[in-house]
């Protein structure tokens, strides 16, 4: 069995699900699943990360998830900096021979990324009274 292809990146640039789908494309894939985590209900999110630590950890998480779920390829990108409402903060794409492993890998990947990767999120709303900003508590890992 060949090793799944992995792509992990943290970037200040806007994210593209089409690009990630291209990275996980495979002739043996009967399923490609994507997940987009988008800004909602606030004007913007602001992300900070210790990129030198976060990106290798993101890659390790994806490699572990890919091996556990029999996927052909798994890719994830997380944005840092300012992410306006309706734009993606994180995009994940998983390809597998069948839909079950692709869905399971995408779900486990986002859960672990949110709980384990050193990326911090602040919600920002602009109101007539001024700017209301608050840091968001982390997310615990749910049991598998």
N, C-alpha and C. Protein backbone atom coordinates (compact mmCIF):
# COMPACT_ATOMS: atom_id res chain seq x y z
N UNK A 1 0.84 -1.18 0.00
CA UNK A 1 0.00 0.00 0.00
C UNK A 1 0.89 1.25 0.00
N UNK A 2 0.57 2.22 -0.82
CA UNK A 2 1.36 3.44 -0.89
C UNK A 2 0.95 4.40 0.22
N UNK A 3 1.88 5.25 0.59
CA UNK A 3 1.60 6.26 1.61
C UNK A 3 0.64 7.31 1.05
N UNK A 4 -0.33 7.74 1.83
CA UNK A 4 -1.22 8.82 1.37
C UNK A 4 -0.41 10.10 1.14
N UNK A 5 -0.81 10.87 0.15
CA UNK A 5 -0.20 12.18 -0.08
C UNK A 5 -0.79 13.17 0.93
N UNK A 6 0.08 14.01 1.48
CA UNK A 6 -0.32 14.97 2.51
C UNK A 6 0.10 16.37 2.06
N UNK A 7 -0.78 17.32 2.29
CA UNK A 7 -0.45 18.73 2.06
C UNK A 7 -0.96 19.51 3.26
N UNK A 8 -0.07 20.30 3.89
CA UNK A 8 -0.43 21.12 5.04
C UNK A 8 0.18 22.50 4.86
N UNK A 9 -0.63 23.53 5.05
CA UNK A 9 -0.10 24.89 4.89
C UNK A 9 -0.88 25.87 5.76
N UNK A 10 -0.15 26.80 6.34
CA UNK A 10 -0.74 27.92 7.06
C UNK A 10 -0.32 29.17 6.30
N UNK A 11 -1.31 30.01 5.97
CA UNK A 11 -1.05 31.12 5.05
C UNK A 11 -1.92 32.32 5.37
N UNK A 12 -1.43 33.52 5.07
CA UNK A 12 -2.29 34.69 5.19
C UNK A 12 -3.18 34.92 3.95
N UNK A 13 -2.99 34.11 2.93
CA UNK A 13 -3.72 34.26 1.66
C UNK A 13 -5.11 33.62 1.74
N UNK A 14 -6.07 34.12 0.95
CA UNK A 14 -7.38 33.45 0.87
C UNK A 14 -7.22 32.00 0.43
N UNK A 15 -8.13 31.15 0.90
CA UNK A 15 -8.04 29.71 0.65
C UNK A 15 -8.95 29.31 -0.52
N UNK A 16 -8.56 28.23 -1.21
CA UNK A 16 -9.33 27.74 -2.34
C UNK A 16 -9.58 26.24 -2.21
N UNK A 17 -10.85 25.88 -2.11
CA UNK A 17 -11.20 24.46 -2.08
C UNK A 17 -10.84 23.79 -3.40
N UNK A 18 -10.96 24.51 -4.50
CA UNK A 18 -10.61 23.95 -5.80
C UNK A 18 -9.14 23.54 -5.85
N UNK A 19 -8.27 24.38 -5.29
CA UNK A 19 -6.84 24.06 -5.26
C UNK A 19 -6.62 22.79 -4.43
N UNK A 20 -7.23 22.72 -3.25
CA UNK A 20 -7.04 21.54 -2.40
C UNK A 20 -7.61 20.28 -3.06
N UNK A 21 -8.75 20.40 -3.73
CA UNK A 21 -9.30 19.24 -4.44
C UNK A 21 -8.33 18.76 -5.52
N UNK A 22 -7.69 19.69 -6.18
CA UNK A 22 -6.68 19.32 -7.17
C UNK A 22 -5.50 18.60 -6.54
N UNK A 23 -5.13 19.01 -5.33
CA UNK A 23 -4.00 18.37 -4.65
C UNK A 23 -4.30 16.94 -4.21
N UNK A 24 -5.58 16.65 -3.94
CA UNK A 24 -5.93 15.29 -3.49
C UNK A 24 -6.50 14.43 -4.62
N UNK A 25 -6.60 14.99 -5.82
CA UNK A 25 -7.14 14.23 -6.95
C UNK A 25 -6.32 12.96 -7.17
N UNK A 26 -7.02 11.87 -7.48
CA UNK A 26 -6.37 10.57 -7.68
C UNK A 26 -7.28 9.71 -8.54
N UNK A 27 -6.69 8.96 -9.48
CA UNK A 27 -7.47 8.08 -10.34
C UNK A 27 -8.21 7.00 -9.56
N UNK A 28 -7.70 6.65 -8.38
CA UNK A 28 -8.34 5.63 -7.56
C UNK A 28 -9.41 6.16 -6.63
N UNK A 29 -9.64 7.47 -6.66
CA UNK A 29 -10.59 8.08 -5.73
C UNK A 29 -12.01 8.00 -6.27
N UNK A 30 -12.88 7.35 -5.51
CA UNK A 30 -14.30 7.35 -5.82
C UNK A 30 -15.02 8.43 -5.04
N UNK A 31 -14.29 9.08 -4.11
CA UNK A 31 -14.89 10.13 -3.28
C UNK A 31 -13.85 11.18 -2.95
N UNK A 32 -14.27 12.41 -3.06
CA UNK A 32 -13.49 13.54 -2.56
C UNK A 32 -14.42 14.37 -1.71
N UNK A 33 -14.02 14.60 -0.47
CA UNK A 33 -14.82 15.34 0.49
C UNK A 33 -14.07 16.62 0.84
N UNK A 34 -14.81 17.73 0.91
CA UNK A 34 -14.21 18.98 1.36
C UNK A 34 -14.97 19.52 2.56
N UNK A 35 -14.23 20.26 3.37
CA UNK A 35 -14.82 20.98 4.50
C UNK A 35 -14.30 22.40 4.44
N UNK A 36 -15.21 23.37 4.57
CA UNK A 36 -14.84 24.79 4.64
C UNK A 36 -15.31 25.31 5.99
N UNK A 37 -14.41 25.81 6.79
CA UNK A 37 -14.77 26.50 8.03
C UNK A 37 -14.80 27.98 7.74
N UNK A 38 -15.96 28.61 7.83
CA UNK A 38 -16.10 30.01 7.41
C UNK A 38 -16.48 30.92 8.58
N UNK A 39 -16.14 32.19 8.42
CA UNK A 39 -16.51 33.20 9.40
C UNK A 39 -18.01 33.44 9.33
N UNK A 40 -18.64 33.46 10.48
CA UNK A 40 -20.09 33.69 10.53
C UNK A 40 -20.41 34.57 11.72
N UNK A 41 -21.47 35.27 11.67
CA UNK A 41 -22.09 36.08 12.73
C UNK A 41 -21.25 37.25 13.25
N UNK A 42 -19.98 37.32 12.95
CA UNK A 42 -19.17 38.48 13.35
C UNK A 42 -18.61 39.14 12.08
N UNK A 43 -18.13 40.36 12.23
CA UNK A 43 -17.60 41.06 11.06
C UNK A 43 -16.35 40.39 10.50
N UNK A 44 -15.51 39.90 11.40
CA UNK A 44 -14.28 39.24 10.96
C UNK A 44 -13.70 38.40 12.09
N UNK A 45 -12.85 37.47 11.69
CA UNK A 45 -12.04 36.72 12.64
C UNK A 45 -10.59 37.12 12.40
N UNK A 46 -9.83 37.15 13.46
CA UNK A 46 -8.40 37.42 13.35
C UNK A 46 -7.67 36.24 13.95
N UNK A 47 -6.80 35.63 13.15
CA UNK A 47 -6.05 34.45 13.57
C UNK A 47 -4.58 34.78 13.74
N UNK A 48 -4.00 34.21 14.78
CA UNK A 48 -2.57 34.27 15.00
C UNK A 48 -2.09 32.83 15.17
N UNK A 49 -0.84 32.59 14.78
CA UNK A 49 -0.28 31.25 14.92
C UNK A 49 1.22 31.33 15.10
N UNK A 50 1.74 30.34 15.76
CA UNK A 50 3.18 30.12 15.80
C UNK A 50 3.45 29.17 14.64
N UNK A 51 3.64 29.75 13.45
CA UNK A 51 3.67 28.99 12.20
C UNK A 51 4.77 27.93 12.20
N UNK A 52 5.94 28.26 12.73
CA UNK A 52 7.06 27.31 12.72
C UNK A 52 6.73 26.04 13.50
N UNK A 53 5.84 26.13 14.46
CA UNK A 53 5.39 24.96 15.22
C UNK A 53 4.09 24.39 14.64
N UNK A 54 3.21 25.29 14.23
CA UNK A 54 1.87 24.88 13.80
C UNK A 54 1.88 24.08 12.50
N UNK A 55 2.67 24.51 11.52
CA UNK A 55 2.63 23.84 10.22
C UNK A 55 3.15 22.40 10.29
N UNK A 56 4.29 22.13 10.96
CA UNK A 56 4.71 20.73 11.08
C UNK A 56 3.71 19.88 11.88
N UNK A 57 3.09 20.46 12.91
CA UNK A 57 2.10 19.73 13.68
C UNK A 57 0.87 19.44 12.82
N UNK A 58 0.46 20.40 12.01
CA UNK A 58 -0.65 20.19 11.08
C UNK A 58 -0.33 19.03 10.15
N UNK A 59 0.86 19.00 9.61
CA UNK A 59 1.30 17.92 8.70
C UNK A 59 1.27 16.57 9.43
N UNK A 60 1.77 16.52 10.67
CA UNK A 60 1.77 15.27 11.44
C UNK A 60 0.35 14.77 11.72
N UNK A 61 -0.53 15.69 12.07
CA UNK A 61 -1.93 15.31 12.32
C UNK A 61 -2.54 14.72 11.05
N UNK A 62 -2.33 15.38 9.92
CA UNK A 62 -2.90 14.89 8.66
C UNK A 62 -2.35 13.52 8.30
N UNK A 63 -1.06 13.30 8.50
CA UNK A 63 -0.46 11.99 8.20
C UNK A 63 -1.08 10.91 9.07
N UNK A 64 -1.27 11.20 10.35
CA UNK A 64 -1.88 10.23 11.26
C UNK A 64 -3.33 9.96 10.87
N UNK A 65 -4.08 11.00 10.59
CA UNK A 65 -5.49 10.84 10.19
C UNK A 65 -5.59 10.05 8.89
N UNK A 66 -4.74 10.37 7.93
CA UNK A 66 -4.77 9.68 6.63
C UNK A 66 -4.51 8.19 6.80
N UNK A 67 -3.54 7.85 7.65
CA UNK A 67 -3.22 6.44 7.88
C UNK A 67 -4.36 5.71 8.60
N UNK A 68 -5.06 6.39 9.48
CA UNK A 68 -6.15 5.77 10.24
C UNK A 68 -7.41 5.55 9.41
N UNK A 69 -7.56 6.31 8.33
CA UNK A 69 -8.82 6.25 7.57
C UNK A 69 -8.67 5.78 6.13
N UNK A 70 -7.54 5.25 5.78
CA UNK A 70 -7.35 4.65 4.46
C UNK A 70 -7.72 5.61 3.32
N UNK A 71 -7.20 6.83 3.40
CA UNK A 71 -7.42 7.78 2.32
C UNK A 71 -6.24 7.76 1.36
N UNK A 72 -6.46 8.24 0.17
CA UNK A 72 -5.40 8.34 -0.83
C UNK A 72 -4.59 9.62 -0.64
N UNK A 73 -5.29 10.69 -0.27
CA UNK A 73 -4.62 11.98 -0.05
C UNK A 73 -5.47 12.82 0.89
N UNK A 74 -4.77 13.68 1.64
CA UNK A 74 -5.44 14.56 2.59
C UNK A 74 -4.71 15.89 2.59
N UNK A 75 -5.46 16.97 2.46
CA UNK A 75 -4.87 18.31 2.42
C UNK A 75 -5.65 19.24 3.34
N UNK A 76 -4.92 20.14 3.99
CA UNK A 76 -5.57 21.15 4.83
C UNK A 76 -4.75 22.42 4.77
N UNK A 77 -5.47 23.53 4.70
CA UNK A 77 -4.84 24.84 4.79
C UNK A 77 -5.63 25.67 5.79
N UNK A 78 -4.90 26.41 6.61
CA UNK A 78 -5.53 27.30 7.60
C UNK A 78 -5.01 28.70 7.36
N UNK A 79 -5.92 29.61 7.39
CA UNK A 79 -5.57 31.01 7.15
C UNK A 79 -5.23 31.70 8.46
N UNK A 80 -4.28 32.62 8.40
CA UNK A 80 -3.98 33.49 9.54
C UNK A 80 -4.19 34.93 9.10
N UNK A 81 -4.26 35.82 10.07
CA UNK A 81 -4.56 37.21 9.76
C UNK A 81 -6.06 37.43 9.82
N UNK A 82 -6.53 38.41 9.08
CA UNK A 82 -7.95 38.78 9.10
C UNK A 82 -8.73 37.98 8.07
N UNK A 83 -9.85 37.38 8.53
CA UNK A 83 -10.73 36.61 7.66
C UNK A 83 -12.14 37.21 7.77
N UNK A 84 -12.58 37.93 6.74
CA UNK A 84 -13.91 38.56 6.78
C UNK A 84 -15.05 37.53 6.78
N UNK A 85 -16.22 38.00 7.17
CA UNK A 85 -17.42 37.16 7.18
C UNK A 85 -17.61 36.48 5.82
N UNK A 86 -17.99 35.22 5.86
CA UNK A 86 -18.28 34.34 4.72
C UNK A 86 -17.03 33.81 4.02
N UNK A 87 -15.85 34.21 4.44
CA UNK A 87 -14.64 33.65 3.85
C UNK A 87 -14.14 32.48 4.69
N UNK A 88 -13.38 31.59 4.06
CA UNK A 88 -12.90 30.39 4.73
C UNK A 88 -11.67 30.67 5.57
N UNK A 89 -11.70 30.14 6.80
CA UNK A 89 -10.55 30.16 7.70
C UNK A 89 -9.73 28.89 7.55
N UNK A 90 -10.42 27.81 7.23
CA UNK A 90 -9.76 26.51 7.07
C UNK A 90 -10.49 25.74 5.98
N UNK A 91 -9.71 25.03 5.16
CA UNK A 91 -10.28 24.16 4.13
C UNK A 91 -9.55 22.83 4.21
N UNK A 92 -10.33 21.76 4.15
CA UNK A 92 -9.79 20.39 4.19
C UNK A 92 -10.35 19.64 2.99
N UNK A 93 -9.51 18.84 2.35
CA UNK A 93 -9.96 17.96 1.27
C UNK A 93 -9.37 16.58 1.50
N UNK A 94 -10.21 15.57 1.34
CA UNK A 94 -9.78 14.18 1.51
C UNK A 94 -10.29 13.37 0.33
N UNK A 95 -9.42 12.52 -0.21
CA UNK A 95 -9.85 11.61 -1.28
C UNK A 95 -9.60 10.18 -0.83
N UNK A 96 -10.52 9.31 -1.22
CA UNK A 96 -10.43 7.89 -0.86
C UNK A 96 -11.18 7.08 -1.91
N UNK A 97 -10.98 5.80 -1.87
CA UNK A 97 -11.69 4.93 -2.80
C UNK A 97 -13.20 5.00 -2.57
N UNK A 98 -13.61 5.19 -1.31
CA UNK A 98 -15.03 5.21 -0.95
C UNK A 98 -15.32 6.39 -0.03
N UNK A 99 -16.59 6.80 0.03
CA UNK A 99 -16.97 8.00 0.77
C UNK A 99 -16.76 7.91 2.28
N UNK A 100 -16.97 6.75 2.86
CA UNK A 100 -16.86 6.61 4.32
C UNK A 100 -15.51 7.08 4.85
N UNK A 101 -14.41 6.54 4.34
CA UNK A 101 -13.11 6.99 4.84
C UNK A 101 -12.83 8.47 4.54
N UNK A 102 -13.30 8.98 3.42
CA UNK A 102 -13.07 10.39 3.10
C UNK A 102 -13.80 11.30 4.09
N UNK A 103 -15.07 11.00 4.37
CA UNK A 103 -15.82 11.79 5.36
C UNK A 103 -15.18 11.68 6.74
N UNK A 104 -14.83 10.47 7.15
CA UNK A 104 -14.26 10.27 8.48
C UNK A 104 -12.93 11.01 8.63
N UNK A 105 -12.11 10.99 7.60
CA UNK A 105 -10.81 11.66 7.66
C UNK A 105 -10.99 13.18 7.75
N UNK A 106 -11.89 13.73 6.95
CA UNK A 106 -12.12 15.17 6.99
C UNK A 106 -12.64 15.59 8.37
N UNK A 107 -13.55 14.80 8.93
CA UNK A 107 -14.12 15.12 10.25
C UNK A 107 -13.05 15.05 11.34
N UNK A 108 -12.27 13.98 11.35
CA UNK A 108 -11.23 13.87 12.38
C UNK A 108 -10.18 14.95 12.19
N UNK A 109 -9.85 15.27 10.96
CA UNK A 109 -8.83 16.30 10.70
C UNK A 109 -9.26 17.64 11.28
N UNK A 110 -10.47 18.10 11.01
CA UNK A 110 -10.88 19.41 11.52
C UNK A 110 -10.97 19.40 13.04
N UNK A 111 -11.48 18.32 13.63
CA UNK A 111 -11.57 18.25 15.08
C UNK A 111 -10.19 18.34 15.73
N UNK A 112 -9.23 17.63 15.18
CA UNK A 112 -7.88 17.64 15.76
C UNK A 112 -7.15 18.95 15.48
N UNK A 113 -7.35 19.52 14.31
CA UNK A 113 -6.72 20.81 14.00
C UNK A 113 -7.18 21.87 15.01
N UNK A 114 -8.49 21.94 15.22
CA UNK A 114 -9.04 22.93 16.15
C UNK A 114 -8.54 22.73 17.58
N UNK A 115 -8.33 21.49 17.98
CA UNK A 115 -7.94 21.20 19.35
C UNK A 115 -6.43 21.22 19.58
N UNK A 116 -5.63 20.93 18.56
CA UNK A 116 -4.21 20.69 18.80
C UNK A 116 -3.24 21.67 18.16
N UNK A 117 -3.62 22.32 17.10
CA UNK A 117 -2.67 23.18 16.39
C UNK A 117 -2.66 24.56 17.05
N UNK A 118 -1.48 25.12 17.33
CA UNK A 118 -1.40 26.41 18.02
C UNK A 118 -1.78 27.59 17.10
N UNK A 119 -3.09 27.72 16.92
CA UNK A 119 -3.67 28.83 16.17
C UNK A 119 -4.73 29.44 17.08
N UNK A 120 -4.65 30.76 17.24
CA UNK A 120 -5.56 31.46 18.14
C UNK A 120 -6.50 32.34 17.34
N UNK A 121 -7.76 32.41 17.81
CA UNK A 121 -8.82 33.10 17.07
C UNK A 121 -9.43 34.19 17.93
N UNK A 122 -9.60 35.36 17.31
CA UNK A 122 -10.29 36.46 17.97
C UNK A 122 -11.46 36.88 17.10
N UNK A 123 -12.65 36.98 17.70
CA UNK A 123 -13.84 37.46 17.01
C UNK A 123 -13.89 38.97 17.12
N UNK A 124 -14.19 39.64 16.00
CA UNK A 124 -14.23 41.11 15.98
C UNK A 124 -15.54 41.57 15.35
N UNK A 125 -16.24 42.44 16.07
CA UNK A 125 -17.43 43.10 15.55
C UNK A 125 -17.20 44.60 15.62
N UNK A 126 -17.63 45.30 14.58
CA UNK A 126 -17.58 46.75 14.57
C UNK A 126 -19.01 47.24 14.79
N UNK A 127 -19.19 47.99 15.87
CA UNK A 127 -20.52 48.49 16.22
C UNK A 127 -20.47 50.03 16.24
N UNK A 128 -21.63 50.66 16.31
CA UNK A 128 -21.62 52.13 16.43
C UNK A 128 -20.85 52.61 17.67
N UNK A 129 -20.78 51.76 18.69
CA UNK A 129 -20.07 52.13 19.91
C UNK A 129 -18.56 51.89 19.81
N UNK A 130 -18.13 51.23 18.76
CA UNK A 130 -16.70 50.95 18.60
C UNK A 130 -16.45 49.51 18.22
N UNK A 131 -15.23 49.05 18.45
CA UNK A 131 -14.83 47.69 18.10
C UNK A 131 -14.97 46.80 19.33
N UNK A 132 -15.64 45.68 19.15
CA UNK A 132 -15.79 44.67 20.20
C UNK A 132 -14.99 43.45 19.77
N UNK A 133 -13.90 43.15 20.46
CA UNK A 133 -13.05 42.01 20.12
C UNK A 133 -12.89 41.10 21.32
N UNK A 134 -12.93 39.79 21.08
CA UNK A 134 -12.80 38.81 22.17
C UNK A 134 -12.09 37.55 21.64
N UNK A 135 -11.15 37.06 22.44
CA UNK A 135 -10.47 35.82 22.10
C UNK A 135 -11.41 34.65 22.35
N UNK A 136 -11.32 33.62 21.52
CA UNK A 136 -12.19 32.45 21.62
C UNK A 136 -11.45 31.32 22.33
N UNK A 137 -12.14 30.69 23.29
CA UNK A 137 -11.55 29.56 23.99
C UNK A 137 -11.27 28.42 23.02
N UNK A 138 -10.29 27.59 23.35
CA UNK A 138 -9.93 26.44 22.53
C UNK A 138 -11.00 25.38 22.53
N UNK A 139 -10.80 24.37 21.69
CA UNK A 139 -11.75 23.28 21.50
C UNK A 139 -11.12 21.98 21.97
N UNK A 140 -11.74 21.27 22.92
CA UNK A 140 -11.17 19.97 23.31
C UNK A 140 -11.37 18.91 22.24
N UNK A 141 -10.49 17.93 22.23
CA UNK A 141 -10.60 16.82 21.28
C UNK A 141 -11.72 15.90 21.73
N UNK A 142 -12.61 15.55 20.80
CA UNK A 142 -13.66 14.58 21.10
C UNK A 142 -13.09 13.19 20.94
N UNK A 143 -13.50 12.25 21.79
CA UNK A 143 -13.00 10.88 21.63
C UNK A 143 -13.37 10.30 20.27
N UNK A 144 -12.46 9.51 19.74
CA UNK A 144 -12.69 8.89 18.41
C UNK A 144 -13.70 7.78 18.50
